Amino acid sequence: MPNTLPDVCSPEAAKKIAPGTVDNVGTVANMREKWPYSNLNIGYSFTVPIAEITNEQSLRNMVTAKSKFLKKKFTVIKHGEPYNCFEIARIA
């Protein structure tokens, strides 16, 4: 079954999405969140500048905690030059 997800995350994140994964629609965004975890659909991502993060492991731990809390799976991908950002992508 071909992956029919939108082309909005990086190819590295897209490789981590299992074929045939279906998204839960109808999520409500939490306006108090700094980053949009709760309203990301599978295959979508957002970026955080590397300069904004002081400890990479803390970011990864926070993403893991959000994954467990929201019962959604996220991944963190570090992009170096020329982007200099972390990509947080929803993969399930």
PDB file of N, CA and C in Angstrom:
ATOM      1  N   MET A   1       0.849  -1.184   0.000  1.00  0.00           N
ATOM      2  CA  MET A   1       0.000   0.000   0.000  1.00  0.00           C
ATOM      3  C   MET A   1       0.885   1.233   0.000  1.00  0.00           C
ATOM      4  N   PRO A   2       0.755   2.111  -0.980  1.00  0.00           N
ATOM      5  CA  PRO A   2       1.613   3.297  -1.034  1.00  0.00           C
ATOM      6  C   PRO A   2       1.264   4.281   0.068  1.00  0.00           C
ATOM      7  N   ASN A   3       2.259   5.021   0.501  1.00  0.00           N
ATOM      8  CA  ASN A   3       2.055   6.031   1.532  1.00  0.00           C
ATOM      9  C   ASN A   3       1.419   7.256   0.885  1.00  0.00           C
ATOM     10  N   THR A   4       0.208   7.611   1.326  1.00  0.00           N
ATOM     11  CA  THR A   4      -0.518   8.725   0.720  1.00  0.00           C
ATOM     12  C   THR A   4      -0.530   9.942   1.633  1.00  0.00           C
ATOM     13  N   LEU A   5       0.418  10.025   2.544  1.00  0.00           N
ATOM     14  CA  LEU A   5       0.479  11.142   3.466  1.00  0.00           C
ATOM     15  C   LEU A   5       0.977  12.393   2.757  1.00  0.00           C
ATOM     16  N   PRO A   6       0.606  13.566   3.258  1.00  0.00           N
ATOM     17  CA  PRO A   6       1.075  14.803   2.630  1.00  0.00           C
ATOM     18  C   PRO A   6       2.584  14.930   2.767  1.00  0.00           C
ATOM     19  N   ASP A   7       3.189  15.602   1.823  1.00  0.00           N
ATOM     20  CA  ASP A   7       4.635  15.778   1.801  1.00  0.00           C
ATOM     21  C   ASP A   7       5.000  17.033   2.594  1.00  0.00           C
ATOM     22  N   VAL A   8       4.824  16.987   3.918  1.00  0.00           N
ATOM     23  CA  VAL A   8       5.086  18.164   4.730  1.00  0.00           C
ATOM     24  C   VAL A   8       6.169  17.946   5.773  1.00  0.00           C
ATOM     25  N   CYS A   9       6.596  16.724   5.993  1.00  0.00           N
ATOM     26  CA  CYS A   9       7.702  16.484   6.917  1.00  0.00           C
ATOM     27  C   CYS A   9       8.935  16.113   6.088  1.00  0.00           C
ATOM     28  N   SER A  10      10.061  16.042   6.749  1.00  0.00           N
ATOM     29  CA  SER A  10      11.293  15.716   6.035  1.00  0.00           C
ATOM     30  C   SER A  10      11.276  14.258   5.580  1.00  0.00           C
ATOM     31  N   PRO A  11      12.087  13.911   4.594  1.00  0.00           N
ATOM     32  CA  PRO A  11      12.152  12.514   4.165  1.00  0.00           C
ATOM     33  C   PRO A  11      12.586  11.575   5.291  1.00  0.00           C
ATOM     34  N   GLU A  12      13.441  12.062   6.210  1.00  0.00           N
ATOM     35  CA  GLU A  12      13.872  11.239   7.340  1.00  0.00           C
ATOM     36  C   GLU A  12      12.698  10.882   8.236  1.00  0.00           C
ATOM     37  N   ALA A  13      11.807  11.857   8.487  1.00  0.00           N
ATOM     38  CA  ALA A  13      10.621  11.603   9.307  1.00  0.00           C
ATOM     39  C   ALA A  13       9.631  10.706   8.565  1.00  0.00           C
ATOM     40  N   ALA A  14       9.480  10.925   7.275  1.00  0.00           N
ATOM     41  CA  ALA A  14       8.531  10.133   6.482  1.00  0.00           C
ATOM     42  C   ALA A  14       8.903   8.652   6.486  1.00  0.00           C
ATOM     43  N   LYS A  15      10.189   8.327   6.549  1.00  0.00           N
ATOM     44  CA  LYS A  15      10.637   6.932   6.579  1.00  0.00           C
ATOM     45  C   LYS A  15      10.181   6.219   7.845  1.00  0.00           C
ATOM     46  N   LYS A  16       9.928   6.959   8.920  1.00  0.00           N
ATOM     47  CA  LYS A  16       9.547   6.359  10.196  1.00  0.00           C
ATOM     48  C   LYS A  16       8.050   6.122  10.328  1.00  0.00           C
ATOM     49  N   ILE A  17       7.268   6.550   9.349  1.00  0.00           N
ATOM     50  CA  ILE A  17       5.814   6.367   9.395  1.00  0.00           C
ATOM     51  C   ILE A  17       5.480   5.014   8.792  1.00  0.00           C
ATOM     52  N   ALA A  18       4.788   4.190   9.557  1.00  0.00           N
ATOM     53  CA  ALA A  18       4.423   2.852   9.094  1.00  0.00           C
ATOM     54  C   ALA A  18       3.402   2.952   7.963  1.00  0.00           C
ATOM     55  N   PRO A  19       3.537   2.126   6.923  1.00  0.00           N
ATOM     56  CA  PRO A  19       2.557   2.139   5.838  1.00  0.00           C
ATOM     57  C   PRO A  19       1.168   1.793   6.368  1.00  0.00           C
ATOM     58  N   GLY A  20       0.163   2.482   5.870  1.00  0.00           N
ATOM     59  CA  GLY A  20      -1.204   2.207   6.270  1.00  0.00           C
ATOM     60  C   GLY A  20      -1.617   2.859   7.576  1.00  0.00           C
ATOM     61  N   THR A  21      -0.788   3.725   8.124  1.00  0.00           N
ATOM     62  CA  THR A  21      -1.118   4.399   9.375  1.00  0.00           C
ATOM     63  C   THR A  21      -2.271   5.366   9.135  1.00  0.00           C
ATOM     64  N   VAL A  22      -3.264   5.310  10.015  1.00  0.00           N
ATOM     65  CA  VAL A  22      -4.441   6.167   9.900  1.00  0.00           C
ATOM     66  C   VAL A  22      -4.409   7.170  11.046  1.00  0.00           C
ATOM     67  N   ASP A  23      -4.811   8.390  10.755  1.00  0.00           N
ATOM     68  CA  ASP A  23      -4.780   9.458  11.745  1.00  0.00           C
ATOM     69  C   ASP A  23      -6.127   9.621  12.424  1.00  0.00           C
ATOM     70  N   ASN A  24      -6.090  10.068  13.677  1.00  0.00           N
ATOM     71  CA  ASN A  24      -7.319  10.452  14.375  1.00  0.00           C
ATOM     72  C   ASN A  24      -7.606  11.898  14.015  1.00  0.00           C
ATOM     73  N   VAL A  25      -8.737  12.152  13.420  1.00  0.00           N
ATOM     74  CA  VAL A  25      -9.082  13.518  13.050  1.00  0.00           C
ATOM     75  C   VAL A  25      -9.919  14.153  14.149  1.00  0.00           C
ATOM     76  N   GLY A  26     -10.006  15.453  14.132  1.00  0.00           N
ATOM     77  CA  GLY A  26     -10.833  16.153  15.089  1.00  0.00           C
ATOM     78  C   GLY A  26     -10.120  16.550  16.365  1.00  0.00           C
ATOM     79  N   THR A  27      -8.795  16.616  16.351  1.00  0.00           N
ATOM     80  CA  THR A  27      -8.076  17.050  17.543  1.00  0.00           C
ATOM     81  C   THR A  27      -8.268  18.545  17.742  1.00  0.00           C
ATOM     82  N   VAL A  28      -8.355  18.946  18.980  1.00  0.00           N
ATOM     83  CA  VAL A  28      -8.535  20.352  19.305  1.00  0.00           C
ATOM     84  C   VAL A  28      -7.199  20.903  19.774  1.00  0.00           C
ATOM     85  N   ALA A  29      -6.797  22.024  19.219  1.00  0.00           N
ATOM     86  CA  ALA A  29      -5.521  22.635  19.582  1.00  0.00           C
ATOM     87  C   ALA A  29      -5.608  23.244  20.978  1.00  0.00           C
ATOM     88  N   ASN A  30      -4.550  23.060  21.741  1.00  0.00           N
ATOM     89  CA  ASN A  30      -4.447  23.686  23.051  1.00  0.00           C
ATOM     90  C   ASN A  30      -3.698  24.994  22.857  1.00  0.00           C
ATOM     91  N   MET A  31      -4.366  26.100  23.071  1.00  0.00           N
ATOM     92  CA  MET A  31      -3.767  27.401  22.790  1.00  0.00           C
ATOM     93  C   MET A  31      -2.667  27.775  23.779  1.00  0.00           C
ATOM     94  N   ARG A  32      -2.548  27.041  24.892  1.00  0.00           N
ATOM     95  CA  ARG A  32      -1.515  27.350  25.871  1.00  0.00           C
ATOM     96  C   ARG A  32      -0.209  26.626  25.579  1.00  0.00           C
ATOM     97  N   GLU A  33      -0.185  25.751  24.613  1.00  0.00           N
ATOM     98  CA  GLU A  33       1.031  25.026  24.269  1.00  0.00           C
ATOM     99  C   GLU A  33       2.007  25.931  23.530  1.00  0.00           C
ATOM    100  N   LYS A  34       3.274  25.796  23.885  1.00  0.00           N
ATOM    101  CA  LYS A  34       4.307  26.558  23.171  1.00  0.00           C
ATOM    102  C   LYS A  34       4.496  25.992  21.763  1.00  0.00           C
ATOM    103  N   TRP A  35       4.456  24.656  21.667  1.00  0.00           N
ATOM    104  CA  TRP A  35       4.614  23.989  20.378  1.00  0.00           C
ATOM    105  C   TRP A  35       3.375  23.161  20.092  1.00  0.00           C
ATOM    106  N   PRO A  36       2.997  23.022  18.828  1.00  0.00           N
ATOM    107  CA  PRO A  36       1.683  22.451  18.461  1.00  0.00           C
ATOM    108  C   PRO A  36       1.615  20.924  18.425  1.00  0.00           C
ATOM    109  N   TYR A  37       1.970  20.255  19.517  1.00  0.00           N
ATOM    110  CA  TYR A  37       1.916  18.788  19.529  1.00  0.00           C
ATOM    111  C   TYR A  37       0.509  18.255  19.279  1.00  0.00           C
ATOM    112  N   SER A  38      -0.462  18.792  20.008  1.00  0.00           N
ATOM    113  CA  SER A  38      -1.799  18.194  20.019  1.00  0.00           C
ATOM    114  C   SER A  38      -2.544  18.325  18.695  1.00  0.00           C
ATOM    115  N   ASN A  39      -2.199  19.289  17.863  1.00  0.00           N
ATOM    116  CA  ASN A  39      -2.934  19.425  16.599  1.00  0.00           C
ATOM    117  C   ASN A  39      -2.124  18.991  15.375  1.00  0.00           C
ATOM    118  N   LEU A  40      -1.047  18.217  15.586  1.00  0.00           N
ATOM    119  CA  LEU A  40      -0.285  17.694  14.450  1.00  0.00           C
ATOM    120  C   LEU A  40      -0.931  16.407  13.944  1.00  0.00           C
ATOM    121  N   ASN A  41      -1.146  16.320  12.671  1.00  0.00           N
ATOM    122  CA  ASN A  41      -1.604  15.084  12.049  1.00  0.00           C
ATOM    123  C   ASN A  41      -0.391  14.259  11.656  1.00  0.00           C
ATOM    124  N   ILE A  42      -0.597  12.986  11.420  1.00  0.00           N
ATOM    125  CA  ILE A  42       0.501  12.108  11.015  1.00  0.00           C
ATOM    126  C   ILE A  42       1.098  12.621   9.710  1.00  0.00           C
ATOM    127  N   GLY A  43       2.421  12.699   9.687  1.00  0.00           N
ATOM    128  CA  GLY A  43       3.114  13.186   8.502  1.00  0.00           C
ATOM    129  C   GLY A  43       3.427  14.668   8.545  1.00  0.00           C
ATOM    130  N   TYR A  44       2.943  15.359   9.566  1.00  0.00           N
ATOM    131  CA  TYR A  44       3.217  16.788   9.714  1.00  0.00           C
ATOM    132  C   TYR A  44       4.286  16.989  10.782  1.00  0.00           C
ATOM    133  N   SER A  45       4.941  18.126  10.722  1.00  0.00           N
ATOM    134  CA  SER A  45       6.005  18.406  11.684  1.00  0.00           C
ATOM    135  C   SER A  45       6.104  19.907  11.918  1.00  0.00           C
ATOM    136  N   PHE A  46       6.879  20.250  12.928  1.00  0.00           N
ATOM    137  CA  PHE A  46       7.242  21.650  13.152  1.00  0.00           C
ATOM    138  C   PHE A  46       8.713  21.675  13.515  1.00  0.00           C
ATOM    139  N   THR A  47       9.321  22.834  13.392  1.00  0.00           N
ATOM    140  CA  THR A  47      10.751  22.947  13.664  1.00  0.00           C
ATOM    141  C   THR A  47      10.995  23.891  14.830  1.00  0.00           C
ATOM    142  N   VAL A  48      12.119  23.627  15.492  1.00  0.00           N
ATOM    143  CA  VAL A  48      12.569  24.457  16.601  1.00  0.00           C
ATOM    144  C   VAL A  48      14.031  24.796  16.318  1.00  0.00           C
ATOM    145  N   PRO A  49      14.396  26.066  16.310  1.00  0.00           N
ATOM    146  CA  PRO A  49      15.787  26.430  16.050  1.00  0.00           C
ATOM    147  C   PRO A  49      16.729  25.823  17.089  1.00  0.00           C
ATOM    148  N   ILE A  50      17.876  25.340  16.647  1.00  0.00           N
ATOM    149  CA  ILE A  50      18.857  24.757  17.562  1.00  0.00           C
ATOM    150  C   ILE A  50      19.264  25.773  18.621  1.00  0.00           C
ATOM    151  N   ALA A  51      19.352  27.052  18.259  1.00  0.00           N
ATOM    152  CA  ALA A  51      19.756  28.096  19.204  1.00  0.00           C
ATOM    153  C   ALA A  51      18.768  28.238  20.363  1.00  0.00           C
ATOM    154  N   GLU A  52      17.519  27.836  20.151  1.00  0.00           N
ATOM    155  CA  GLU A  52      16.490  27.959  21.185  1.00  0.00           C
ATOM    156  C   GLU A  52      16.579  26.835  22.229  1.00  0.00           C
ATOM    157  N   ILE A  53      17.267  25.749  21.900  1.00  0.00           N
ATOM    158  CA  ILE A  53      17.357  24.581  22.779  1.00  0.00           C
ATOM    159  C   ILE A  53      18.735  24.548  23.431  1.00  0.00           C
ATOM    160  N   THR A  54      18.751  24.548  24.768  1.00  0.00           N
ATOM    161  CA  THR A  54      20.035  24.516  25.473  1.00  0.00           C
ATOM    162  C   THR A  54      20.507  23.094  25.731  1.00  0.00           C
ATOM    163  N   ASN A  55      19.576  22.130  25.801  1.00  0.00           N
ATOM    164  CA  ASN A  55      19.947  20.748  26.091  1.00  0.00           C
ATOM    165  C   ASN A  55      19.122  19.828  25.189  1.00  0.00           C
ATOM    166  N   GLU A  56      19.798  19.182  24.252  1.00  0.00           N
ATOM    167  CA  GLU A  56      19.111  18.323  23.283  1.00  0.00           C
ATOM    168  C   GLU A  56      18.403  17.159  23.971  1.00  0.00           C
ATOM    169  N   GLN A  57      19.029  16.575  24.985  1.00  0.00           N
ATOM    170  CA  GLN A  57      18.414  15.436  25.668  1.00  0.00           C
ATOM    171  C   GLN A  57      17.129  15.833  26.386  1.00  0.00           C
ATOM    172  N   SER A  58      17.084  17.037  26.924  1.00  0.00           N
ATOM    173  CA  SER A  58      15.855  17.521  27.564  1.00  0.00           C
ATOM    174  C   SER A  58      14.719  17.640  26.546  1.00  0.00           C
ATOM    175  N   LEU A  59      15.037  18.116  25.338  1.00  0.00           N
ATOM    176  CA  LEU A  59      14.031  18.201  24.281  1.00  0.00           C
ATOM    177  C   LEU A  59      13.513  16.811  23.944  1.00  0.00           C
ATOM    178  N   ARG A  60      14.414  15.862  23.782  1.00  0.00           N
ATOM    179  CA  ARG A  60      14.017  14.493  23.443  1.00  0.00           C
ATOM    180  C   ARG A  60      13.155  13.878  24.554  1.00  0.00           C
ATOM    181  N   ASN A  61      13.518  14.143  25.817  1.00  0.00           N
ATOM    182  CA  ASN A  61      12.728  13.631  26.939  1.00  0.00           C
ATOM    183  C   ASN A  61      11.337  14.255  26.957  1.00  0.00           C
ATOM    184  N   MET A  62      11.261  15.552  26.656  1.00  0.00           N
ATOM    185  CA  MET A  62       9.974  16.237  26.632  1.00  0.00           C
ATOM    186  C   MET A  62       9.076  15.677  25.528  1.00  0.00           C
ATOM    187  N   VAL A  63       9.655  15.405  24.371  1.00  0.00           N
ATOM    188  CA  VAL A  63       8.886  14.850  23.262  1.00  0.00           C
ATOM    189  C   VAL A  63       8.383  13.447  23.617  1.00  0.00           C
ATOM    190  N   THR A  64       9.206  12.661  24.289  1.00  0.00           N
ATOM    191  CA  THR A  64       8.781  11.332  24.732  1.00  0.00           C
ATOM    192  C   THR A  64       7.625  11.435  25.714  1.00  0.00           C
ATOM    193  N   ALA A  65       7.712  12.351  26.657  1.00  0.00           N
ATOM    194  CA  ALA A  65       6.634  12.552  27.634  1.00  0.00           C
ATOM    195  C   ALA A  65       5.343  12.979  26.942  1.00  0.00           C
ATOM    196  N   LYS A  66       5.441  13.893  25.964  1.00  0.00           N
ATOM    197  CA  LYS A  66       4.260  14.326  25.212  1.00  0.00           C
ATOM    198  C   LYS A  66       3.655  13.163  24.429  1.00  0.00           C
ATOM    199  N   SER A  67       4.515  12.303  23.876  1.00  0.00           N
ATOM    200  CA  SER A  67       4.036  11.134  23.140  1.00  0.00           C
ATOM    201  C   SER A  67       3.187  10.247  24.037  1.00  0.00           C
ATOM    202  N   LYS A  68       3.673  10.009  25.240  1.00  0.00           N
ATOM    203  CA  LYS A  68       2.933   9.156  26.175  1.00  0.00           C
ATOM    204  C   LYS A  68       1.645   9.822  26.637  1.00  0.00           C
ATOM    205  N   PHE A  69       1.692  11.106  26.933  1.00  0.00           N
ATOM    206  CA  PHE A  69       0.533  11.835  27.424  1.00  0.00           C
ATOM    207  C   PHE A  69      -0.574  11.909  26.379  1.00  0.00           C
ATOM    208  N   LEU A  70      -0.201  12.209  25.128  1.00  0.00           N
ATOM    209  CA  LEU A  70      -1.188  12.367  24.053  1.00  0.00           C
ATOM    210  C   LEU A  70      -1.527  11.063  23.347  1.00  0.00           C
ATOM    211  N   LYS A  71      -0.776   9.988  23.677  1.00  0.00           N
ATOM    212  CA  LYS A  71      -0.945   8.690  23.017  1.00  0.00           C
ATOM    213  C   LYS A  71      -0.764   8.818  21.497  1.00  0.00           C
ATOM    214  N   LYS A  72       0.229   9.603  21.121  1.00  0.00           N
ATOM    215  CA  LYS A  72       0.626   9.802  19.733  1.00  0.00           C
ATOM    216  C   LYS A  72       2.139   9.624  19.685  1.00  0.00           C
ATOM    217  N   LYS A  73       2.677   9.223  18.551  1.00  0.00           N
ATOM    218  CA  LYS A  73       4.116   8.982  18.463  1.00  0.00           C
ATOM    219  C   LYS A  73       4.793  10.102  17.681  1.00  0.00           C
ATOM    220  N   PHE A  74       5.816  10.686  18.304  1.00  0.00           N
ATOM    221  CA  PHE A  74       6.601  11.752  17.694  1.00  0.00           C
ATOM    222  C   PHE A  74       8.051  11.312  17.595  1.00  0.00           C
ATOM    223  N   THR A  75       8.778  11.937  16.692  1.00  0.00           N
ATOM    224  CA  THR A  75      10.210  11.708  16.587  1.00  0.00           C
ATOM    225  C   THR A  75      10.914  13.059  16.491  1.00  0.00           C
ATOM    226  N   VAL A  76      12.168  13.078  16.969  1.00  0.00           N
ATOM    227  CA  VAL A  76      12.978  14.298  16.910  1.00  0.00           C
ATOM    228  C   VAL A  76      14.131  14.027  15.951  1.00  0.00           C
ATOM    229  N   ILE A  77      14.289  14.901  14.980  1.00  0.00           N
ATOM    230  CA  ILE A  77      15.375  14.768  14.007  1.00  0.00           C
ATOM    231  C   ILE A  77      16.170  16.067  14.027  1.00  0.00           C
ATOM    232  N   LYS A  78      17.472  15.937  14.192  1.00  0.00           N
ATOM    233  CA  LYS A  78      18.342  17.113  14.214  1.00  0.00           C
ATOM    234  C   LYS A  78      18.873  17.357  12.805  1.00  0.00           C
ATOM    235  N   HIS A  79      18.586  18.543  12.279  1.00  0.00           N
ATOM    236  CA  HIS A  79      19.064  18.944  10.956  1.00  0.00           C
ATOM    237  C   HIS A  79      20.178  19.972  11.152  1.00  0.00           C
ATOM    238  N   GLY A  80      21.347  19.670  10.626  1.00  0.00           N
ATOM    239  CA  GLY A  80      22.484  20.587  10.736  1.00  0.00           C
ATOM    240  C   GLY A  80      22.443  21.662   9.666  1.00  0.00           C
ATOM    241  N   GLU A  81      23.627  22.079   9.227  1.00  0.00           N
ATOM    242  CA  GLU A  81      23.734  23.104   8.187  1.00  0.00           C
ATOM    243  C   GLU A  81      22.989  22.672   6.945  1.00  0.00           C
ATOM    244  N   PRO A  82      22.298  23.498   6.251  1.00  0.00           N
ATOM    245  CA  PRO A  82      22.097  24.924   6.449  1.00  0.00           C
ATOM    246  C   PRO A  82      20.875  25.245   7.318  1.00  0.00           C
ATOM    247  N   TYR A  83      20.136  24.227   7.789  1.00  0.00           N
ATOM    248  CA  TYR A  83      18.866  24.476   8.481  1.00  0.00           C
ATOM    249  C   TYR A  83      19.038  24.822   9.959  1.00  0.00           C
ATOM    250  N   ASN A  84      19.934  24.138  10.648  1.00  0.00           N
ATOM    251  CA  ASN A  84      20.191  24.380  12.083  1.00  0.00           C
ATOM    252  C   ASN A  84      18.908  24.370  12.898  1.00  0.00           C
ATOM    253  N   CYS A  85      18.191  23.243  12.832  1.00  0.00           N
ATOM    254  CA  CYS A  85      16.957  23.148  13.601  1.00  0.00           C
ATOM    255  C   CYS A  85      16.700  21.696  13.990  1.00  0.00           C
ATOM    256  N   PHE A  86      15.799  21.534  14.948  1.00  0.00           N
ATOM    257  CA  PHE A  86      15.266  20.230  15.305  1.00  0.00           C
ATOM    258  C   PHE A  86      13.886  20.136  14.664  1.00  0.00           C
ATOM    259  N   GLU A  87      13.601  18.996  14.072  1.00  0.00           N
ATOM    260  CA  GLU A  87      12.271  18.755  13.518  1.00  0.00           C
ATOM    261  C   GLU A  87      11.553  17.787  14.439  1.00  0.00           C
ATOM    262  N   ILE A  88      10.365  18.159  14.882  1.00  0.00           N
ATOM    263  CA  ILE A  88       9.525  17.269  15.675  1.00  0.00           C
ATOM    264  C   ILE A  88       8.391  16.862  14.766  1.00  0.00           C
ATOM    265  N   ALA A  89       8.344  15.578  14.430  1.00  0.00           N
ATOM    266  CA  ALA A  89       7.375  15.070  13.471  1.00  0.00           C
ATOM    267  C   ALA A  89       6.483  14.035  14.123  1.00  0.00           C
ATOM    268  N   ARG A  90       5.212  14.042  13.765  1.00  0.00           N
ATOM    269  CA  ARG A  90       4.297  13.004  14.257  1.00  0.00           C
ATOM    270  C   ARG A  90       4.351  11.852  13.287  1.00  0.00           C
ATOM    271  N   ILE A  91       4.643  10.654  13.807  1.00  0.00           N
ATOM    272  CA  ILE A  91       4.794   9.487  12.944  1.00  0.00           C
ATOM    273  C   ILE A  91       3.743   8.405  13.202  1.00  0.00           C
ATOM    274  N   ALA A  92       2.933   8.563  14.239  1.00  0.00           N
ATOM    275  CA  ALA A  92       1.837   7.599  14.495  1.00  0.00           C
ATOM    276  C   ALA A  92       0.859   8.197  15.480  1.00  0.00           C
TER     277      ALA A  92
END
